[in-house]
């Protein structure tokens, strides 16, 4: 699974990427997750299965939706999950979004 995590500056994003990877590893799920800033979304989102938005960039969700392939779901990480670095919770929510992807293409999930 290929994931893009979008943030403002990238300070805490590396930690969240690692926490999500650890959650996936617990169930032997391979995940390739990369972080990117707002300025590099179109190129960074190519060939991704899902785009995750850190809470500090949720204001840009509508613009990001316009720049990303409509088949790629976008999920906004909750401030609580992000602030407490709950990689397990983010991973579970991300999996649910991907499972429902077929019926809800082009939607932004919260």
PDB file of N, CA and C in Angstrom:
ATOM      1  N   UNK A   1       0.848  -1.167   0.000  1.00  0.00           N
ATOM      2  CA  UNK A   1       0.000   0.000   0.000  1.00  0.00           C
ATOM      3  C   UNK A   1       0.895   1.233   0.000  1.00  0.00           C
ATOM      4  N   UNK A   2       0.567   2.183  -0.845  1.00  0.00           N
ATOM      5  CA  UNK A   2       1.339   3.421  -0.943  1.00  0.00           C
ATOM      6  C   UNK A   2       0.510   4.581  -0.402  1.00  0.00           C
ATOM      7  N   UNK A   3       1.102   5.305   0.544  1.00  0.00           N
ATOM      8  CA  UNK A   3       0.390   6.366   1.264  1.00  0.00           C
ATOM      9  C   UNK A   3       1.196   7.658   1.206  1.00  0.00           C
ATOM     10  N   UNK A   4       0.488   8.774   1.038  1.00  0.00           N
ATOM     11  CA  UNK A   4       1.098  10.097   1.112  1.00  0.00           C
ATOM     12  C   UNK A   4       0.518  10.808   2.323  1.00  0.00           C
ATOM     13  N   UNK A   5       1.377  11.299   3.187  1.00  0.00           N
ATOM     14  CA  UNK A   5       0.958  12.086   4.350  1.00  0.00           C
ATOM     15  C   UNK A   5       1.372  13.527   4.099  1.00  0.00           C
ATOM     16  N   UNK A   6       0.382  14.409   4.036  1.00  0.00           N
ATOM     17  CA  UNK A   6       0.623  15.815   3.726  1.00  0.00           C
ATOM     18  C   UNK A   6       0.573  16.642   5.004  1.00  0.00           C
ATOM     19  N   UNK A   7       1.574  17.515   5.142  1.00  0.00           N
ATOM     20  CA  UNK A   7       1.627  18.389   6.312  1.00  0.00           C
ATOM     21  C   UNK A   7       2.078  19.776   5.869  1.00  0.00           C
ATOM     22  N   UNK A   8       2.198  20.649   6.829  1.00  0.00           N
ATOM     23  CA  UNK A   8       2.624  22.014   6.532  1.00  0.00           C
ATOM     24  C   UNK A   8       4.140  22.087   6.379  1.00  0.00           C
ATOM     25  N   UNK A   9       4.862  21.701   7.420  1.00  0.00           N
ATOM     26  CA  UNK A   9       6.314  21.860   7.405  1.00  0.00           C
ATOM     27  C   UNK A   9       7.079  20.553   7.547  1.00  0.00           C
ATOM     28  N   UNK A  10       6.452  19.504   8.035  1.00  0.00           N
ATOM     29  CA  UNK A  10       7.107  18.217   8.125  1.00  0.00           C
ATOM     30  C   UNK A  10       7.792  17.896   9.435  1.00  0.00           C
ATOM     31  N   UNK A  11       7.604  18.731  10.436  1.00  0.00           N
ATOM     32  CA  UNK A  11       8.274  18.507  11.717  1.00  0.00           C
ATOM     33  C   UNK A  11       7.844  17.194  12.371  1.00  0.00           C
ATOM     34  N   UNK A  12       6.563  17.050  12.629  1.00  0.00           N
ATOM     35  CA  UNK A  12       6.078  15.859  13.328  1.00  0.00           C
ATOM     36  C   UNK A  12       5.631  14.752  12.386  1.00  0.00           C
ATOM     37  N   UNK A  13       5.604  15.022  11.113  1.00  0.00           N
ATOM     38  CA  UNK A  13       5.114  14.052  10.149  1.00  0.00           C
ATOM     39  C   UNK A  13       5.968  12.790  10.099  1.00  0.00           C
ATOM     40  N   UNK A  14       7.258  12.932  10.248  1.00  0.00           N
ATOM     41  CA  UNK A  14       8.141  11.770  10.229  1.00  0.00           C
ATOM     42  C   UNK A  14       7.784  10.815  11.359  1.00  0.00           C
ATOM     43  N   UNK A  15       7.456  11.355  12.512  1.00  0.00           N
ATOM     44  CA  UNK A  15       7.074  10.519  13.647  1.00  0.00           C
ATOM     45  C   UNK A  15       5.765   9.794  13.340  1.00  0.00           C
ATOM     46  N   UNK A  16       4.784  10.509  12.784  1.00  0.00           N
ATOM     47  CA  UNK A  16       3.504   9.883  12.468  1.00  0.00           C
ATOM     48  C   UNK A  16       3.681   8.801  11.399  1.00  0.00           C
ATOM     49  N   UNK A  17       4.496   9.059  10.407  1.00  0.00           N
ATOM     50  CA  UNK A  17       4.772   8.036   9.384  1.00  0.00           C
ATOM     51  C   UNK A  17       5.287   6.757  10.046  1.00  0.00           C
ATOM     52  N   UNK A  18       6.226   6.922  10.951  1.00  0.00           N
ATOM     53  CA  UNK A  18       6.809   5.771  11.638  1.00  0.00           C
ATOM     54  C   UNK A  18       5.760   5.038  12.473  1.00  0.00           C
ATOM     55  N   UNK A  19       4.906   5.766  13.163  1.00  0.00           N
ATOM     56  CA  UNK A  19       3.867   5.160  13.996  1.00  0.00           C
ATOM     57  C   UNK A  19       2.869   4.365  13.145  1.00  0.00           C
ATOM     58  N   UNK A  20       2.510   4.895  11.975  1.00  0.00           N
ATOM     59  CA  UNK A  20       1.587   4.191  11.079  1.00  0.00           C
ATOM     60  C   UNK A  20       2.255   2.930  10.541  1.00  0.00           C
ATOM     61  N   UNK A  21       3.530   3.036  10.157  1.00  0.00           N
ATOM     62  CA  UNK A  21       4.261   1.858   9.678  1.00  0.00           C
ATOM     63  C   UNK A  21       4.345   0.788  10.763  1.00  0.00           C
ATOM     64  N   UNK A  22       4.573   1.188  12.004  1.00  0.00           N
ATOM     65  CA  UNK A  22       4.627   0.232  13.115  1.00  0.00           C
ATOM     66  C   UNK A  22       3.287  -0.472  13.298  1.00  0.00           C
ATOM     67  N   UNK A  23       2.188   0.270  13.167  1.00  0.00           N
ATOM     68  CA  UNK A  23       0.855  -0.325  13.296  1.00  0.00           C
ATOM     69  C   UNK A  23       0.620  -1.359  12.197  1.00  0.00           C
ATOM     70  N   UNK A  24       1.032  -1.048  10.981  1.00  0.00           N
ATOM     71  CA  UNK A  24       0.878  -1.984   9.862  1.00  0.00           C
ATOM     72  C   UNK A  24       1.748  -3.221  10.069  1.00  0.00           C
ATOM     73  N   UNK A  25       2.952  -3.014  10.552  1.00  0.00           N
ATOM     74  CA  UNK A  25       3.886  -4.128  10.760  1.00  0.00           C
ATOM     75  C   UNK A  25       3.355  -5.116  11.793  1.00  0.00           C
ATOM     76  N   UNK A  26       2.598  -4.634  12.762  1.00  0.00           N
ATOM     77  CA  UNK A  26       2.039  -5.518  13.794  1.00  0.00           C
ATOM     78  C   UNK A  26       1.160  -6.607  13.194  1.00  0.00           C
ATOM     79  N   UNK A  27       0.541  -6.317  12.062  1.00  0.00           N
ATOM     80  CA  UNK A  27      -0.318  -7.313  11.414  1.00  0.00           C
ATOM     81  C   UNK A  27       0.273  -7.774  10.077  1.00  0.00           C
ATOM     82  N   UNK A  28       1.561  -7.590   9.948  1.00  0.00           N
ATOM     83  CA  UNK A  28       2.299  -8.018   8.748  1.00  0.00           C
ATOM     84  C   UNK A  28       1.762  -7.397   7.462  1.00  0.00           C
ATOM     85  N   UNK A  29       1.353  -6.158   7.534  1.00  0.00           N
ATOM     86  CA  UNK A  29       0.889  -5.419   6.362  1.00  0.00           C
ATOM     87  C   UNK A  29       2.022  -4.514   5.901  1.00  0.00           C
ATOM     88  N   UNK A  30       2.368  -4.609   4.634  1.00  0.00           N
ATOM     89  CA  UNK A  30       3.436  -3.757   4.106  1.00  0.00           C
ATOM     90  C   UNK A  30       2.839  -2.407   3.712  1.00  0.00           C
ATOM     91  N   UNK A  31       3.479  -1.358   4.148  1.00  0.00           N
ATOM     92  CA  UNK A  31       3.003  -0.013   3.831  1.00  0.00           C
ATOM     93  C   UNK A  31       4.199   0.863   3.481  1.00  0.00           C
ATOM     94  N   UNK A  32       4.057   1.591   2.410  1.00  0.00           N
ATOM     95  CA  UNK A  32       5.072   2.557   2.000  1.00  0.00           C
ATOM     96  C   UNK A  32       4.444   3.934   2.191  1.00  0.00           C
ATOM     97  N   UNK A  33       4.925   4.664   3.168  1.00  0.00           N
ATOM     98  CA  UNK A  33       4.338   5.974   3.476  1.00  0.00           C
ATOM     99  C   UNK A  33       5.412   7.048   3.371  1.00  0.00           C
ATOM    100  N   UNK A  34       5.075   8.107   2.652  1.00  0.00           N
ATOM    101  CA  UNK A  34       6.000   9.225   2.490  1.00  0.00           C
ATOM    102  C   UNK A  34       5.290  10.508   2.907  1.00  0.00           C
ATOM    103  N   UNK A  35       6.075  11.459   3.360  1.00  0.00           N
ATOM    104  CA  UNK A  35       5.538  12.753   3.770  1.00  0.00           C
ATOM    105  C   UNK A  35       5.897  13.807   2.728  1.00  0.00           C
ATOM    106  N   UNK A  36       5.000  14.766   2.574  1.00  0.00           N
ATOM    107  CA  UNK A  36       5.241  15.858   1.632  1.00  0.00           C
ATOM    108  C   UNK A  36       4.541  17.107   2.135  1.00  0.00           C
ATOM    109  N   UNK A  37       5.054  18.246   1.712  1.00  0.00           N
ATOM    110  CA  UNK A  37       4.425  19.517   2.034  1.00  0.00           C
ATOM    111  C   UNK A  37       3.359  19.854   1.016  1.00  0.00           C
ATOM    112  N   UNK A  38       2.568  20.855   1.313  1.00  0.00           N
ATOM    113  CA  UNK A  38       1.483  21.263   0.425  1.00  0.00           C
ATOM    114  C   UNK A  38       1.951  21.582  -0.992  1.00  0.00           C
ATOM    115  N   UNK A  39       3.149  22.130  -1.096  1.00  0.00           N
ATOM    116  CA  UNK A  39       3.626  22.587  -2.405  1.00  0.00           C
ATOM    117  C   UNK A  39       3.925  21.449  -3.391  1.00  0.00           C
ATOM    118  N   UNK A  40       4.073  20.228  -2.900  1.00  0.00           N
ATOM    119  CA  UNK A  40       4.467  19.133  -3.804  1.00  0.00           C
ATOM    120  C   UNK A  40       3.400  18.056  -3.947  1.00  0.00           C
ATOM    121  N   UNK A  41       2.160  18.372  -3.631  1.00  0.00           N
ATOM    122  CA  UNK A  41       1.112  17.353  -3.643  1.00  0.00           C
ATOM    123  C   UNK A  41       0.875  16.690  -4.994  1.00  0.00           C
ATOM    124  N   UNK A  42       0.648  17.413  -6.074  1.00  0.00           N
ATOM    125  CA  UNK A  42       0.299  16.701  -7.310  1.00  0.00           C
ATOM    126  C   UNK A  42       1.302  15.614  -7.699  1.00  0.00           C
ATOM    127  N   UNK A  43       2.564  15.932  -7.678  1.00  0.00           N
ATOM    128  CA  UNK A  43       3.579  14.947  -8.059  1.00  0.00           C
ATOM    129  C   UNK A  43       3.700  13.854  -7.002  1.00  0.00           C
ATOM    130  N   UNK A  44       3.648  14.210  -5.739  1.00  0.00           N
ATOM    131  CA  UNK A  44       3.799  13.244  -4.650  1.00  0.00           C
ATOM    132  C   UNK A  44       2.628  12.267  -4.567  1.00  0.00           C
ATOM    133  N   UNK A  45       1.451  12.688  -4.999  1.00  0.00           N
ATOM    134  CA  UNK A  45       0.256  11.848  -4.887  1.00  0.00           C
ATOM    135  C   UNK A  45       0.127  10.826  -6.009  1.00  0.00           C
ATOM    136  N   UNK A  46       0.945  10.938  -7.032  1.00  0.00           N
ATOM    137  CA  UNK A  46       0.863   9.989  -8.145  1.00  0.00           C
ATOM    138  C   UNK A  46       1.092   8.569  -7.643  1.00  0.00           C
ATOM    139  N   UNK A  47       0.237   7.663  -8.092  1.00  0.00           N
ATOM    140  CA  UNK A  47       0.331   6.233  -7.775  1.00  0.00           C
ATOM    141  C   UNK A  47       0.164   5.909  -6.294  1.00  0.00           C
ATOM    142  N   UNK A  48      -0.454   6.785  -5.542  1.00  0.00           N
ATOM    143  CA  UNK A  48      -0.715   6.515  -4.135  1.00  0.00           C
ATOM    144  C   UNK A  48      -2.110   5.889  -3.991  1.00  0.00           C
ATOM    145  N   UNK A  49      -2.277   5.105  -2.945  1.00  0.00           N
ATOM    146  CA  UNK A  49      -3.578   4.487  -2.669  1.00  0.00           C
ATOM    147  C   UNK A  49      -4.476   5.412  -1.864  1.00  0.00           C
ATOM    148  N   UNK A  50      -3.849   6.279  -1.057  1.00  0.00           N
ATOM    149  CA  UNK A  50      -4.601   7.204  -0.215  1.00  0.00           C
ATOM    150  C   UNK A  50      -3.706   8.390   0.138  1.00  0.00           C
ATOM    151  N   UNK A  51      -4.339   9.539   0.361  1.00  0.00           N
ATOM    152  CA  UNK A  51      -3.631  10.737   0.818  1.00  0.00           C
ATOM    153  C   UNK A  51      -4.174  11.074   2.201  1.00  0.00           C
ATOM    154  N   UNK A  52      -3.279  11.172   3.167  1.00  0.00           N
ATOM    155  CA  UNK A  52      -3.643  11.559   4.525  1.00  0.00           C
ATOM    156  C   UNK A  52      -3.273  13.018   4.736  1.00  0.00           C
ATOM    157  N   UNK A  53      -4.161  13.765   5.354  1.00  0.00           N
ATOM    158  CA  UNK A  53      -3.885  15.175   5.646  1.00  0.00           C
ATOM    159  C   UNK A  53      -3.713  15.357   7.147  1.00  0.00           C
ATOM    160  N   UNK A  54      -2.611  15.963   7.531  1.00  0.00           N
ATOM    161  CA  UNK A  54      -2.417  16.332   8.934  1.00  0.00           C
ATOM    162  C   UNK A  54      -3.449  17.408   9.268  1.00  0.00           C
ATOM    163  N   UNK A  55      -3.880  17.482  10.520  1.00  0.00           N
ATOM    164  CA  UNK A  55      -4.929  18.444  10.870  1.00  0.00           C
ATOM    165  C   UNK A  55      -4.598  19.894  10.539  1.00  0.00           C
ATOM    166  N   UNK A  56      -3.315  20.244  10.592  1.00  0.00           N
ATOM    167  CA  UNK A  56      -2.945  21.635  10.332  1.00  0.00           C
ATOM    168  C   UNK A  56      -3.111  22.045   8.867  1.00  0.00           C
ATOM    169  N   UNK A  57      -3.369  21.082   7.977  1.00  0.00           N
ATOM    170  CA  UNK A  57      -3.592  21.433   6.568  1.00  0.00           C
ATOM    171  C   UNK A  57      -5.003  21.080   6.101  1.00  0.00           C
ATOM    172  N   UNK A  58      -5.894  20.773   7.040  1.00  0.00           N
ATOM    173  CA  UNK A  58      -7.252  20.418   6.622  1.00  0.00           C
ATOM    174  C   UNK A  58      -7.951  21.580   5.907  1.00  0.00           C
ATOM    175  N   UNK A  59      -7.522  22.796   6.186  1.00  0.00           N
ATOM    176  CA  UNK A  59      -8.094  23.964   5.507  1.00  0.00           C
ATOM    177  C   UNK A  59      -7.895  23.882   3.992  1.00  0.00           C
ATOM    178  N   UNK A  60      -6.917  23.120   3.551  1.00  0.00           N
ATOM    179  CA  UNK A  60      -6.595  23.015   2.129  1.00  0.00           C
ATOM    180  C   UNK A  60      -7.232  21.799   1.463  1.00  0.00           C
ATOM    181  N   UNK A  61      -8.095  21.078   2.176  1.00  0.00           N
ATOM    182  CA  UNK A  61      -8.659  19.824   1.657  1.00  0.00           C
ATOM    183  C   UNK A  61      -9.361  19.989   0.312  1.00  0.00           C
ATOM    184  N   UNK A  62     -10.147  21.032   0.144  1.00  0.00           N
ATOM    185  CA  UNK A  62     -10.872  21.216  -1.122  1.00  0.00           C
ATOM    186  C   UNK A  62      -9.912  21.469  -2.275  1.00  0.00           C
ATOM    187  N   UNK A  63      -8.887  22.271  -2.046  1.00  0.00           N
ATOM    188  CA  UNK A  63      -7.903  22.527  -3.102  1.00  0.00           C
ATOM    189  C   UNK A  63      -7.097  21.274  -3.419  1.00  0.00           C
ATOM    190  N   UNK A  64      -6.763  20.511  -2.392  1.00  0.00           N
ATOM    191  CA  UNK A  64      -6.019  19.272  -2.602  1.00  0.00           C
ATOM    192  C   UNK A  64      -6.867  18.292  -3.404  1.00  0.00           C
ATOM    193  N   UNK A  65      -8.158  18.231  -3.094  1.00  0.00           N
ATOM    194  CA  UNK A  65      -9.054  17.328  -3.834  1.00  0.00           C
ATOM    195  C   UNK A  65      -9.018  17.640  -5.324  1.00  0.00           C
ATOM    196  N   UNK A  66      -8.909  18.907  -5.683  1.00  0.00           N
ATOM    197  CA  UNK A  66      -8.855  19.318  -7.090  1.00  0.00           C
ATOM    198  C   UNK A  66      -7.552  18.890  -7.763  1.00  0.00           C
ATOM    199  N   UNK A  67      -6.479  18.749  -6.979  1.00  0.00           N
ATOM    200  CA  UNK A  67      -5.161  18.443  -7.521  1.00  0.00           C
ATOM    201  C   UNK A  67      -4.851  16.951  -7.584  1.00  0.00           C
ATOM    202  N   UNK A  68      -5.605  16.162  -6.840  1.00  0.00           N
ATOM    203  CA  UNK A  68      -5.331  14.731  -6.726  1.00  0.00           C
ATOM    204  C   UNK A  68      -6.350  13.952  -7.555  1.00  0.00           C
ATOM    205  N   UNK A  69      -5.887  12.891  -8.166  1.00  0.00           N
ATOM    206  CA  UNK A  69      -6.753  11.992  -8.943  1.00  0.00           C
ATOM    207  C   UNK A  69      -8.005  11.668  -8.123  1.00  0.00           C
ATOM    208  N   UNK A  70      -9.196  11.824  -8.706  1.00  0.00           N
ATOM    209  CA  UNK A  70     -10.437  11.574  -7.967  1.00  0.00           C
ATOM    210  C   UNK A  70     -10.562  10.140  -7.438  1.00  0.00           C
ATOM    211  N   UNK A  71      -9.837   9.209  -8.014  1.00  0.00           N
ATOM    212  CA  UNK A  71      -9.888   7.816  -7.555  1.00  0.00           C
ATOM    213  C   UNK A  71      -9.110   7.605  -6.252  1.00  0.00           C
ATOM    214  N   UNK A  72      -8.296   8.574  -5.872  1.00  0.00           N
ATOM    215  CA  UNK A  72      -7.487   8.458  -4.656  1.00  0.00           C
ATOM    216  C   UNK A  72      -8.241   9.111  -3.502  1.00  0.00           C
ATOM    217  N   UNK A  73      -8.596   8.327  -2.484  1.00  0.00           N
ATOM    218  CA  UNK A  73      -9.289   8.926  -1.342  1.00  0.00           C
ATOM    219  C   UNK A  73      -8.361   9.818  -0.520  1.00  0.00           C
ATOM    220  N   UNK A  74      -8.967  10.821   0.094  1.00  0.00           N
ATOM    221  CA  UNK A  74      -8.247  11.740   0.973  1.00  0.00           C
ATOM    222  C   UNK A  74      -8.873  11.626   2.359  1.00  0.00           C
ATOM    223  N   UNK A  75      -8.026  11.461   3.372  1.00  0.00           N
ATOM    224  CA  UNK A  75      -8.511  11.341   4.746  1.00  0.00           C
ATOM    225  C   UNK A  75      -7.810  12.380   5.618  1.00  0.00           C
ATOM    226  N   UNK A  76      -8.608  13.108   6.379  1.00  0.00           N
ATOM    227  CA  UNK A  76      -8.057  14.090   7.315  1.00  0.00           C
ATOM    228  C   UNK A  76      -7.851  13.392   8.664  1.00  0.00           C
ATOM    229  N   UNK A  77      -6.637  13.444   9.167  1.00  0.00           N
ATOM    230  CA  UNK A  77      -6.330  12.848  10.463  1.00  0.00           C
ATOM    231  C   UNK A  77      -6.889  13.759  11.557  1.00  0.00           C
ATOM    232  N   UNK A  78      -7.533  13.156  12.544  1.00  0.00           N
ATOM    233  CA  UNK A  78      -8.106  13.960  13.627  1.00  0.00           C
ATOM    234  C   UNK A  78      -6.993  14.618  14.444  1.00  0.00           C
ATOM    235  N   UNK A  79      -7.269  15.802  14.992  1.00  0.00           N
ATOM    236  CA  UNK A  79      -6.262  16.469  15.824  1.00  0.00           C
ATOM    237  C   UNK A  79      -5.813  15.604  17.011  1.00  0.00           C
ATOM    238  N   UNK A  80      -6.740  14.858  17.594  1.00  0.00           N
ATOM    239  CA  UNK A  80      -6.386  14.008  18.735  1.00  0.00           C
ATOM    240  C   UNK A  80      -5.419  12.896  18.298  1.00  0.00           C
ATOM    241  N   UNK A  81      -5.766  12.200  17.223  1.00  0.00           N
ATOM    242  CA  UNK A  81      -4.899  11.112  16.749  1.00  0.00           C
ATOM    243  C   UNK A  81      -3.526  11.640  16.361  1.00  0.00           C
ATOM    244  N   UNK A  82      -3.500  12.800  15.726  1.00  0.00           N
ATOM    245  CA  UNK A  82      -2.221  13.362  15.292  1.00  0.00           C
ATOM    246  C   UNK A  82      -1.418  13.885  16.486  1.00  0.00           C
ATOM    247  N   UNK A  83      -2.076  14.630  17.351  1.00  0.00           N
ATOM    248  CA  UNK A  83      -1.391  15.227  18.492  1.00  0.00           C
ATOM    249  C   UNK A  83      -0.814  14.199  19.452  1.00  0.00           C
ATOM    250  N   UNK A  84      -1.525  13.073  19.606  1.00  0.00           N
ATOM    251  CA  UNK A  84      -1.068  12.017  20.499  1.00  0.00           C
ATOM    252  C   UNK A  84      -0.286  10.935  19.750  1.00  0.00           C
ATOM    253  N   UNK A  85      -0.061  11.165  18.456  1.00  0.00           N
ATOM    254  CA  UNK A  85       0.691  10.228  17.612  1.00  0.00           C
ATOM    255  C   UNK A  85       0.126   8.810  17.690  1.00  0.00           C
ATOM    256  N   UNK A  86      -1.199   8.725  17.524  1.00  0.00           N
ATOM    257  CA  UNK A  86      -1.887   7.431  17.571  1.00  0.00           C
ATOM    258  C   UNK A  86      -1.833   6.760  16.197  1.00  0.00           C
ATOM    259  N   UNK A  87      -0.688   6.208  15.882  1.00  0.00           N
ATOM    260  CA  UNK A  87      -0.504   5.548  14.593  1.00  0.00           C
ATOM    261  C   UNK A  87      -1.459   4.392  14.378  1.00  0.00           C
ATOM    262  N   UNK A  88      -1.747   3.631  15.443  1.00  0.00           N
ATOM    263  CA  UNK A  88      -2.684   2.508  15.334  1.00  0.00           C
ATOM    264  C   UNK A  88      -4.066   3.003  14.902  1.00  0.00           C
ATOM    265  N   UNK A  89      -4.543   4.070  15.535  1.00  0.00           N
ATOM    266  CA  UNK A  89      -5.873   4.606  15.221  1.00  0.00           C
ATOM    267  C   UNK A  89      -5.921   5.141  13.789  1.00  0.00           C
ATOM    268  N   UNK A  90      -4.893   5.853  13.387  1.00  0.00           N
ATOM    269  CA  UNK A  90      -4.848   6.398  12.026  1.00  0.00           C
ATOM    270  C   UNK A  90      -4.817   5.258  11.018  1.00  0.00           C
ATOM    271  N   UNK A  91      -4.019   4.231  11.294  1.00  0.00           N
ATOM    272  CA  UNK A  91      -3.923   3.089  10.388  1.00  0.00           C
ATOM    273  C   UNK A  91      -5.279   2.407  10.227  1.00  0.00           C
ATOM    274  N   UNK A  92      -5.992   2.167  11.333  1.00  0.00           N
ATOM    275  CA  UNK A  92      -7.297   1.507  11.275  1.00  0.00           C
ATOM    276  C   UNK A  92      -8.304   2.340  10.481  1.00  0.00           C
ATOM    277  N   UNK A  93      -8.313   3.637  10.716  1.00  0.00           N
ATOM    278  CA  UNK A  93      -9.236   4.514   9.990  1.00  0.00           C
ATOM    279  C   UNK A  93      -8.891   4.550   8.502  1.00  0.00           C
ATOM    280  N   UNK A  94      -7.600   4.578   8.205  1.00  0.00           N
ATOM    281  CA  UNK A  94      -7.144   4.583   6.822  1.00  0.00           C
ATOM    282  C   UNK A  94      -7.592   3.306   6.108  1.00  0.00           C
ATOM    283  N   UNK A  95      -7.469   2.171   6.771  1.00  0.00           N
ATOM    284  CA  UNK A  95      -7.889   0.895   6.184  1.00  0.00           C
ATOM    285  C   UNK A  95      -9.386   0.893   5.900  1.00  0.00           C
ATOM    286  N   UNK A  96     -10.177   1.473   6.805  1.00  0.00           N
ATOM    287  CA  UNK A  96     -11.629   1.546   6.591  1.00  0.00           C
ATOM    288  C   UNK A  96     -11.957   2.399   5.371  1.00  0.00           C
ATOM    289  N   UNK A  97     -11.262   3.516   5.234  1.00  0.00           N
ATOM    290  CA  UNK A  97     -11.479   4.379   4.078  1.00  0.00           C
ATOM    291  C   UNK A  97     -11.138   3.627   2.791  1.00  0.00           C
ATOM    292  N   UNK A  98     -10.036   2.915   2.799  1.00  0.00           N
ATOM    293  CA  UNK A  98      -9.638   2.163   1.611  1.00  0.00           C
ATOM    294  C   UNK A  98     -10.615   1.044   1.290  1.00  0.00           C
ATOM    295  N   UNK A  99     -11.171   0.417   2.313  1.00  0.00           N
ATOM    296  CA  UNK A  99     -12.144  -0.651   2.105  1.00  0.00           C
ATOM    297  C   UNK A  99     -13.432  -0.122   1.487  1.00  0.00           C
ATOM    298  N   UNK A 100     -13.799   1.101   1.829  1.00  0.00           N
ATOM    299  CA  UNK A 100     -15.023   1.684   1.274  1.00  0.00           C
ATOM    300  C   UNK A 100     -14.765   2.497   0.007  1.00  0.00           C
ATOM    301  N   UNK A 101     -13.533   2.502  -0.443  1.00  0.00           N
ATOM    302  CA  UNK A 101     -13.106   3.297  -1.597  1.00  0.00           C
ATOM    303  C   UNK A 101     -13.949   3.044  -2.846  1.00  0.00           C
ATOM    304  N   UNK A 102     -14.289   1.818  -3.117  1.00  0.00           N
ATOM    305  CA  UNK A 102     -15.006   1.483  -4.349  1.00  0.00           C
ATOM    306  C   UNK A 102     -16.330   2.231  -4.470  1.00  0.00           C
ATOM    307  N   UNK A 103     -17.038   2.401  -3.357  1.00  0.00           N
ATOM    308  CA  UNK A 103     -18.339   3.056  -3.410  1.00  0.00           C
ATOM    309  C   UNK A 103     -18.307   4.554  -3.219  1.00  0.00           C
ATOM    310  N   UNK A 104     -17.159   5.088  -2.817  1.00  0.00           N
ATOM    311  CA  UNK A 104     -17.095   6.512  -2.486  1.00  0.00           C
ATOM    312  C   UNK A 104     -15.908   7.198  -3.135  1.00  0.00           C
ATOM    313  N   UNK A 105     -15.620   6.911  -4.374  1.00  0.00           N
ATOM    314  CA  UNK A 105     -14.475   7.526  -5.041  1.00  0.00           C
ATOM    315  C   UNK A 105     -14.625   9.033  -5.099  1.00  0.00           C
ATOM    316  N   UNK A 106     -13.501   9.716  -4.906  1.00  0.00           N
ATOM    317  CA  UNK A 106     -13.490  11.165  -5.019  1.00  0.00           C
ATOM    318  C   UNK A 106     -13.974  11.908  -3.803  1.00  0.00           C
ATOM    319  N   UNK A 107     -14.112  11.226  -2.679  1.00  0.00           N
ATOM    320  CA  UNK A 107     -14.609  11.865  -1.471  1.00  0.00           C
ATOM    321  C   UNK A 107     -13.468  12.171  -0.508  1.00  0.00           C
ATOM    322  N   UNK A 108     -13.655  13.166   0.303  1.00  0.00           N
ATOM    323  CA  UNK A 108     -12.715  13.483   1.369  1.00  0.00           C
ATOM    324  C   UNK A 108     -13.302  12.931   2.660  1.00  0.00           C
ATOM    325  N   UNK A 109     -12.552  12.086   3.348  1.00  0.00           N
ATOM    326  CA  UNK A 109     -13.025  11.418   4.556  1.00  0.00           C
ATOM    327  C   UNK A 109     -12.498  12.114   5.797  1.00  0.00           C
ATOM    328  N   UNK A 110     -13.293  12.107   6.853  1.00  0.00           N
ATOM    329  CA  UNK A 110     -12.873  12.662   8.145  1.00  0.00           C
ATOM    330  C   UNK A 110     -12.871  11.574   9.177  1.00  0.00           C
TER     331      UNK A 110
END
